[in-house]
Amino acid sequence: MNDVRLSATPKGNGYQATITFPDGASISSAEAFPSIPEAIAAAALKLLDMPERIEALGDEAGKPRSRTS
């Protein structure tokens, strides 16, 4: 299973939204939002605007994982 993390961190007088993908890549908002729920909602909406990233997560979930010793 692949996990995508939505988070909010303090920025200026508000909170910055961040989306973190399983491969470690992250996208942060340029703007600050007045509250944590608004920042998280903005991150979720941004993720929905990136259908190719969501599809790639599904593709990765179907691949067998290799194990290293």
PDB file of N, CA and C in Angstrom:
ATOM      1  N   MET A   1       0.845  -1.171   0.000  1.00  0.00           N
ATOM      2  CA  MET A   1       0.000   0.000   0.000  1.00  0.00           C
ATOM      3  C   MET A   1       0.894   1.239   0.000  1.00  0.00           C
ATOM      4  N   ASN A   2       0.495   2.221  -0.746  1.00  0.00           N
ATOM      5  CA  ASN A   2       1.224   3.487  -0.792  1.00  0.00           C
ATOM      6  C   ASN A   2       0.491   4.524   0.038  1.00  0.00           C
ATOM      7  N   ASP A   3       1.228   5.246   0.831  1.00  0.00           N
ATOM      8  CA  ASP A   3       0.645   6.300   1.658  1.00  0.00           C
ATOM      9  C   ASP A   3       1.065   7.662   1.134  1.00  0.00           C
ATOM     10  N   VAL A   4       0.102   8.563   1.076  1.00  0.00           N
ATOM     11  CA  VAL A   4       0.359   9.957   0.742  1.00  0.00           C
ATOM     12  C   VAL A   4       0.038  10.747   1.998  1.00  0.00           C
ATOM     13  N   ARG A   5       0.953  11.603   2.411  1.00  0.00           N
ATOM     14  CA  ARG A   5       0.751  12.367   3.643  1.00  0.00           C
ATOM     15  C   ARG A   5       0.399  13.808   3.315  1.00  0.00           C
ATOM     16  N   LEU A   6      -0.668  14.295   3.934  1.00  0.00           N
ATOM     17  CA  LEU A   6      -1.052  15.702   3.844  1.00  0.00           C
ATOM     18  C   LEU A   6      -0.727  16.317   5.195  1.00  0.00           C
ATOM     19  N   SER A   7      -0.016  17.436   5.183  1.00  0.00           N
ATOM     20  CA  SER A   7       0.365  18.057   6.451  1.00  0.00           C
ATOM     21  C   SER A   7       0.296  19.571   6.350  1.00  0.00           C
ATOM     22  N   ALA A   8       0.338  20.186   7.510  1.00  0.00           N
ATOM     23  CA  ALA A   8       0.333  21.648   7.604  1.00  0.00           C
ATOM     24  C   ALA A   8       1.399  22.062   8.612  1.00  0.00           C
ATOM     25  N   THR A   9       2.220  23.030   8.221  1.00  0.00           N
ATOM     26  CA  THR A   9       3.257  23.537   9.111  1.00  0.00           C
ATOM     27  C   THR A   9       3.128  25.050   9.217  1.00  0.00           C
ATOM     28  N   PRO A  10       3.499  25.611  10.368  1.00  0.00           N
ATOM     29  CA  PRO A  10       3.395  27.062  10.522  1.00  0.00           C
ATOM     30  C   PRO A  10       4.223  27.804   9.470  1.00  0.00           C
ATOM     31  N   LYS A  11       3.626  28.858   8.922  1.00  0.00           N
ATOM     32  CA  LYS A  11       4.321  29.723   7.959  1.00  0.00           C
ATOM     33  C   LYS A  11       3.742  31.123   8.109  1.00  0.00           C
ATOM     34  N   GLY A  12       4.564  32.063   8.500  1.00  0.00           N
ATOM     35  CA  GLY A  12       4.089  33.433   8.675  1.00  0.00           C
ATOM     36  C   GLY A  12       2.943  33.489   9.668  1.00  0.00           C
ATOM     37  N   ASN A  13       1.825  34.052   9.240  1.00  0.00           N
ATOM     38  CA  ASN A  13       0.646  34.150  10.103  1.00  0.00           C
ATOM     39  C   ASN A  13      -0.353  33.032   9.857  1.00  0.00           C
ATOM     40  N   GLY A  14       0.092  31.942   9.251  1.00  0.00           N
ATOM     41  CA  GLY A  14      -0.827  30.848   8.945  1.00  0.00           C
ATOM     42  C   GLY A  14      -0.102  29.525   8.847  1.00  0.00           C
ATOM     43  N   TYR A  15      -0.602  28.674   7.962  1.00  0.00           N
ATOM     44  CA  TYR A  15      -0.063  27.326   7.811  1.00  0.00           C
ATOM     45  C   TYR A  15       0.163  27.008   6.339  1.00  0.00           C
ATOM     46  N   GLN A  16       1.275  26.358   6.060  1.00  0.00           N
ATOM     47  CA  GLN A  16       1.614  25.947   4.702  1.00  0.00           C
ATOM     48  C   GLN A  16       1.179  24.494   4.518  1.00  0.00           C
ATOM     49  N   ALA A  17       0.531  24.210   3.393  1.00  0.00           N
ATOM     50  CA  ALA A  17       0.088  22.855   3.077  1.00  0.00           C
ATOM     51  C   ALA A  17       1.204  22.105   2.363  1.00  0.00           C
ATOM     52  N   THR A  18       1.357  20.825   2.701  1.00  0.00           N
ATOM     53  CA  THR A  18       2.358  19.987   2.046  1.00  0.00           C
ATOM     54  C   THR A  18       1.768  18.622   1.732  1.00  0.00           C
ATOM     55  N   ILE A  19       2.077  18.120   0.534  1.00  0.00           N
ATOM     56  CA  ILE A  19       1.736  16.762   0.128  1.00  0.00           C
ATOM     57  C   ILE A  19       3.058  16.012   0.031  1.00  0.00           C
ATOM     58  N   THR A  20       3.165  14.870   0.713  1.00  0.00           N
ATOM     59  CA  THR A  20       4.372  14.054   0.641  1.00  0.00           C
ATOM     60  C   THR A  20       4.004  12.695   0.050  1.00  0.00           C
ATOM     61  N   PHE A  21       4.715  12.303  -1.006  1.00  0.00           N
ATOM     62  CA  PHE A  21       4.454  11.057  -1.716  1.00  0.00           C
ATOM     63  C   PHE A  21       5.344   9.940  -1.180  1.00  0.00           C
ATOM     64  N   PRO A  22       4.982   8.677  -1.458  1.00  0.00           N
ATOM     65  CA  PRO A  22       5.749   7.543  -0.931  1.00  0.00           C
ATOM     66  C   PRO A  22       7.228   7.546  -1.318  1.00  0.00           C
ATOM     67  N   ASP A  23       7.558   8.124  -2.468  1.00  0.00           N
ATOM     68  CA  ASP A  23       8.964   8.146  -2.892  1.00  0.00           C
ATOM     69  C   ASP A  23       9.767   9.251  -2.214  1.00  0.00           C
ATOM     70  N   GLY A  24       9.111  10.012  -1.329  1.00  0.00           N
ATOM     71  CA  GLY A  24       9.788  11.078  -0.605  1.00  0.00           C
ATOM     72  C   GLY A  24       9.633  12.450  -1.227  1.00  0.00           C
ATOM     73  N   ALA A  25       9.133  12.509  -2.454  1.00  0.00           N
ATOM     74  CA  ALA A  25       8.902  13.808  -3.102  1.00  0.00           C
ATOM     75  C   ALA A  25       7.782  14.538  -2.371  1.00  0.00           C
ATOM     76  N   SER A  26       7.894  15.851  -2.293  1.00  0.00           N
ATOM     77  CA  SER A  26       6.843  16.627  -1.639  1.00  0.00           C
ATOM     78  C   SER A  26       6.568  17.906  -2.415  1.00  0.00           C
ATOM     79  N   ILE A  27       5.349  18.379  -2.250  1.00  0.00           N
ATOM     80  CA  ILE A  27       4.904  19.626  -2.872  1.00  0.00           C
ATOM     81  C   ILE A  27       4.326  20.479  -1.760  1.00  0.00           C
ATOM     82  N   SER A  28       4.788  21.709  -1.642  1.00  0.00           N
ATOM     83  CA  SER A  28       4.281  22.627  -0.623  1.00  0.00           C
ATOM     84  C   SER A  28       3.623  23.825  -1.275  1.00  0.00           C
ATOM     85  N   SER A  29       2.626  24.360  -0.601  1.00  0.00           N
ATOM     86  CA  SER A  29       1.924  25.531  -1.125  1.00  0.00           C
ATOM     87  C   SER A  29       2.798  26.770  -0.984  1.00  0.00           C
ATOM     88  N   ALA A  30       2.649  27.680  -1.905  1.00  0.00           N
ATOM     89  CA  ALA A  30       3.362  28.950  -1.824  1.00  0.00           C
ATOM     90  C   ALA A  30       2.668  29.876  -0.833  1.00  0.00           C
ATOM     91  N   GLU A  31       1.364  29.711  -0.703  1.00  0.00           N
ATOM     92  CA  GLU A  31       0.593  30.588   0.169  1.00  0.00           C
ATOM     93  C   GLU A  31       0.394  29.959   1.549  1.00  0.00           C
ATOM     94  N   ALA A  32       0.042  30.790   2.506  1.00  0.00           N
ATOM     95  CA  ALA A  32      -0.273  30.337   3.860  1.00  0.00           C
ATOM     96  C   ALA A  32      -1.784  30.396   4.047  1.00  0.00           C
ATOM     97  N   PHE A  33      -2.305  29.425   4.776  1.00  0.00           N
ATOM     98  CA  PHE A  33      -3.738  29.351   5.052  1.00  0.00           C
ATOM     99  C   PHE A  33      -3.983  29.684   6.518  1.00  0.00           C
ATOM    100  N   PRO A  34      -5.155  30.254   6.840  1.00  0.00           N
ATOM    101  CA  PRO A  34      -5.415  30.721   8.201  1.00  0.00           C
ATOM    102  C   PRO A  34      -5.483  29.625   9.262  1.00  0.00           C
ATOM    103  N   SER A  35      -5.812  28.391   8.861  1.00  0.00           N
ATOM    104  CA  SER A  35      -5.946  27.328   9.860  1.00  0.00           C
ATOM    105  C   SER A  35      -5.395  26.014   9.307  1.00  0.00           C
ATOM    106  N   ILE A  36      -5.131  25.086  10.210  1.00  0.00           N
ATOM    107  CA  ILE A  36      -4.640  23.768   9.802  1.00  0.00           C
ATOM    108  C   ILE A  36      -5.664  23.049   8.923  1.00  0.00           C
ATOM    109  N   PRO A  37      -6.960  23.018   9.306  1.00  0.00           N
ATOM    110  CA  PRO A  37      -7.931  22.348   8.426  1.00  0.00           C
ATOM    111  C   PRO A  37      -7.979  22.938   7.016  1.00  0.00           C
ATOM    112  N   GLU A  38      -7.855  24.246   6.897  1.00  0.00           N
ATOM    113  CA  GLU A  38      -7.865  24.865   5.568  1.00  0.00           C
ATOM    114  C   GLU A  38      -6.621  24.476   4.770  1.00  0.00           C
ATOM    115  N   ALA A  39      -5.490  24.370   5.429  1.00  0.00           N
ATOM    116  CA  ALA A  39      -4.258  23.966   4.746  1.00  0.00           C
ATOM    117  C   ALA A  39      -4.356  22.512   4.277  1.00  0.00           C
ATOM    118  N   ILE A  40      -4.879  21.638   5.130  1.00  0.00           N
ATOM    119  CA  ILE A  40      -5.036  20.229   4.762  1.00  0.00           C
ATOM    120  C   ILE A  40      -6.031  20.093   3.610  1.00  0.00           C
ATOM    121  N   ALA A  41      -7.137  20.831   3.673  1.00  0.00           N
ATOM    122  CA  ALA A  41      -8.132  20.796   2.593  1.00  0.00           C
ATOM    123  C   ALA A  41      -7.516  21.277   1.278  1.00  0.00           C
ATOM    124  N   ALA A  42      -6.702  22.313   1.332  1.00  0.00           N
ATOM    125  CA  ALA A  42      -6.044  22.823   0.125  1.00  0.00           C
ATOM    126  C   ALA A  42      -5.101  21.770  -0.456  1.00  0.00           C
ATOM    127  N   ALA A  43      -4.384  21.059   0.410  1.00  0.00           N
ATOM    128  CA  ALA A  43      -3.483  20.003  -0.059  1.00  0.00           C
ATOM    129  C   ALA A  43      -4.277  18.880  -0.724  1.00  0.00           C
ATOM    130  N   ALA A  44      -5.405  18.508  -0.128  1.00  0.00           N
ATOM    131  CA  ALA A  44      -6.244  17.453  -0.703  1.00  0.00           C
ATOM    132  C   ALA A  44      -6.781  17.870  -2.067  1.00  0.00           C
ATOM    133  N   LEU A  45      -7.228  19.100  -2.181  1.00  0.00           N
ATOM    134  CA  LEU A  45      -7.740  19.591  -3.464  1.00  0.00           C
ATOM    135  C   LEU A  45      -6.636  19.624  -4.518  1.00  0.00           C
ATOM    136  N   LYS A  46      -5.439  20.004  -4.112  1.00  0.00           N
ATOM    137  CA  LYS A  46      -4.312  20.027  -5.048  1.00  0.00           C
ATOM    138  C   LYS A  46      -4.006  18.613  -5.538  1.00  0.00           C
ATOM    139  N   LEU A  47      -4.041  17.642  -4.637  1.00  0.00           N
ATOM    140  CA  LEU A  47      -3.786  16.259  -5.018  1.00  0.00           C
ATOM    141  C   LEU A  47      -4.830  15.782  -6.028  1.00  0.00           C
ATOM    142  N   LEU A  48      -6.079  16.165  -5.824  1.00  0.00           N
ATOM    143  CA  LEU A  48      -7.135  15.781  -6.765  1.00  0.00           C
ATOM    144  C   LEU A  48      -6.939  16.423  -8.134  1.00  0.00           C
ATOM    145  N   ASP A  49      -6.225  17.535  -8.188  1.00  0.00           N
ATOM    146  CA  ASP A  49      -5.921  18.195  -9.462  1.00  0.00           C
ATOM    147  C   ASP A  49      -4.758  17.532 -10.201  1.00  0.00           C
ATOM    148  N   MET A  50      -4.196  16.477  -9.614  1.00  0.00           N
ATOM    149  CA  MET A  50      -3.057  15.781 -10.226  1.00  0.00           C
ATOM    150  C   MET A  50      -3.409  14.310 -10.472  1.00  0.00           C
ATOM    151  N   PRO A  51      -4.361  14.029 -11.373  1.00  0.00           N
ATOM    152  CA  PRO A  51      -4.787  12.637 -11.569  1.00  0.00           C
ATOM    153  C   PRO A  51      -3.652  11.708 -11.998  1.00  0.00           C
ATOM    154  N   GLU A  52      -2.653  12.237 -12.690  1.00  0.00           N
ATOM    155  CA  GLU A  52      -1.547  11.385 -13.111  1.00  0.00           C
ATOM    156  C   GLU A  52      -0.756  10.858 -11.917  1.00  0.00           C
ATOM    157  N   ARG A  53      -0.647  11.659 -10.868  1.00  0.00           N
ATOM    158  CA  ARG A  53       0.055  11.208  -9.654  1.00  0.00           C
ATOM    159  C   ARG A  53      -0.756  10.139  -8.935  1.00  0.00           C
ATOM    160  N   ILE A  54      -2.082  10.315  -8.903  1.00  0.00           N
ATOM    161  CA  ILE A  54      -2.947   9.331  -8.255  1.00  0.00           C
ATOM    162  C   ILE A  54      -2.887   8.013  -9.028  1.00  0.00           C
ATOM    163  N   GLU A  55      -2.930   8.080 -10.359  1.00  0.00           N
ATOM    164  CA  GLU A  55      -2.835   6.871 -11.180  1.00  0.00           C
ATOM    165  C   GLU A  55      -1.496   6.176 -10.971  1.00  0.00           C
ATOM    166  N   ALA A  56      -0.427   6.937 -10.872  1.00  0.00           N
ATOM    167  CA  ALA A  56       0.898   6.351 -10.657  1.00  0.00           C
ATOM    168  C   ALA A  56       0.956   5.615  -9.323  1.00  0.00           C
ATOM    169  N   LEU A  57       0.268   6.132  -8.315  1.00  0.00           N
ATOM    170  CA  LEU A  57       0.224   5.447  -7.023  1.00  0.00           C
ATOM    171  C   LEU A  57      -0.446   4.091  -7.179  1.00  0.00           C
ATOM    172  N   GLY A  58      -1.530   4.051  -7.955  1.00  0.00           N
ATOM    173  CA  GLY A  58      -2.224   2.794  -8.199  1.00  0.00           C
ATOM    174  C   GLY A  58      -1.358   1.811  -8.966  1.00  0.00           C
ATOM    175  N   ASP A  59      -0.603   2.307  -9.940  1.00  0.00           N
ATOM    176  CA  ASP A  59       0.297   1.454 -10.714  1.00  0.00           C
ATOM    177  C   ASP A  59       1.379   0.861  -9.817  1.00  0.00           C
ATOM    178  N   GLU A  60       1.926   1.674  -8.936  1.00  0.00           N
ATOM    179  CA  GLU A  60       2.973   1.209  -8.025  1.00  0.00           C
ATOM    180  C   GLU A  60       2.431   0.177  -7.047  1.00  0.00           C
ATOM    181  N   ALA A  61       1.187   0.334  -6.619  1.00  0.00           N
ATOM    182  CA  ALA A  61       0.601  -0.594  -5.653  1.00  0.00           C
ATOM    183  C   ALA A  61       0.453  -1.988  -6.250  1.00  0.00           C
ATOM    184  N   GLY A  62       0.288  -2.076  -7.572  1.00  0.00           N
ATOM    185  CA  GLY A  62       0.116  -3.367  -8.221  1.00  0.00           C
ATOM    186  C   GLY A  62       1.410  -4.094  -8.528  1.00  0.00           C
ATOM    187  N   LYS A  63       2.539  -3.429  -8.401  1.00  0.00           N
ATOM    188  CA  LYS A  63       3.832  -4.043  -8.713  1.00  0.00           C
ATOM    189  C   LYS A  63       4.345  -4.831  -7.512  1.00  0.00           C
ATOM    190  N   PRO A  64       4.958  -5.990  -7.768  1.00  0.00           N
ATOM    191  CA  PRO A  64       5.556  -6.723  -6.646  1.00  0.00           C
ATOM    192  C   PRO A  64       6.761  -5.958  -6.105  1.00  0.00           C
ATOM    193  N   ARG A  65       6.929  -6.007  -4.820  1.00  0.00           N
ATOM    194  CA  ARG A  65       8.062  -5.322  -4.191  1.00  0.00           C
ATOM    195  C   ARG A  65       9.255  -6.264  -4.142  1.00  0.00           C
ATOM    196  N   SER A  66      10.420  -5.742  -4.421  1.00  0.00           N
ATOM    197  CA  SER A  66      11.622  -6.564  -4.318  1.00  0.00           C
ATOM    198  C   SER A  66      12.196  -6.404  -2.923  1.00  0.00           C
ATOM    199  N   ARG A  67      12.789  -7.465  -2.438  1.00  0.00           N
ATOM    200  CA  ARG A  67      13.399  -7.419  -1.108  1.00  0.00           C
ATOM    201  C   ARG A  67      14.900  -7.505  -1.259  1.00  0.00           C
ATOM    202  N   THR A  68      15.577  -6.740  -0.446  1.00  0.00           N
ATOM    203  CA  THR A  68      17.039  -6.796  -0.444  1.00  0.00           C
ATOM    204  C   THR A  68      17.504  -7.303   0.899  1.00  0.00           C
ATOM    205  N   SER A  69      18.594  -8.032   0.898  1.00  0.00           N
ATOM    206  CA  SER A  69      19.118  -8.584   2.149  1.00  0.00           C
ATOM    207  C   SER A  69      20.127  -7.656   2.750  1.00  0.00           C
TER     208      SER A  69
END
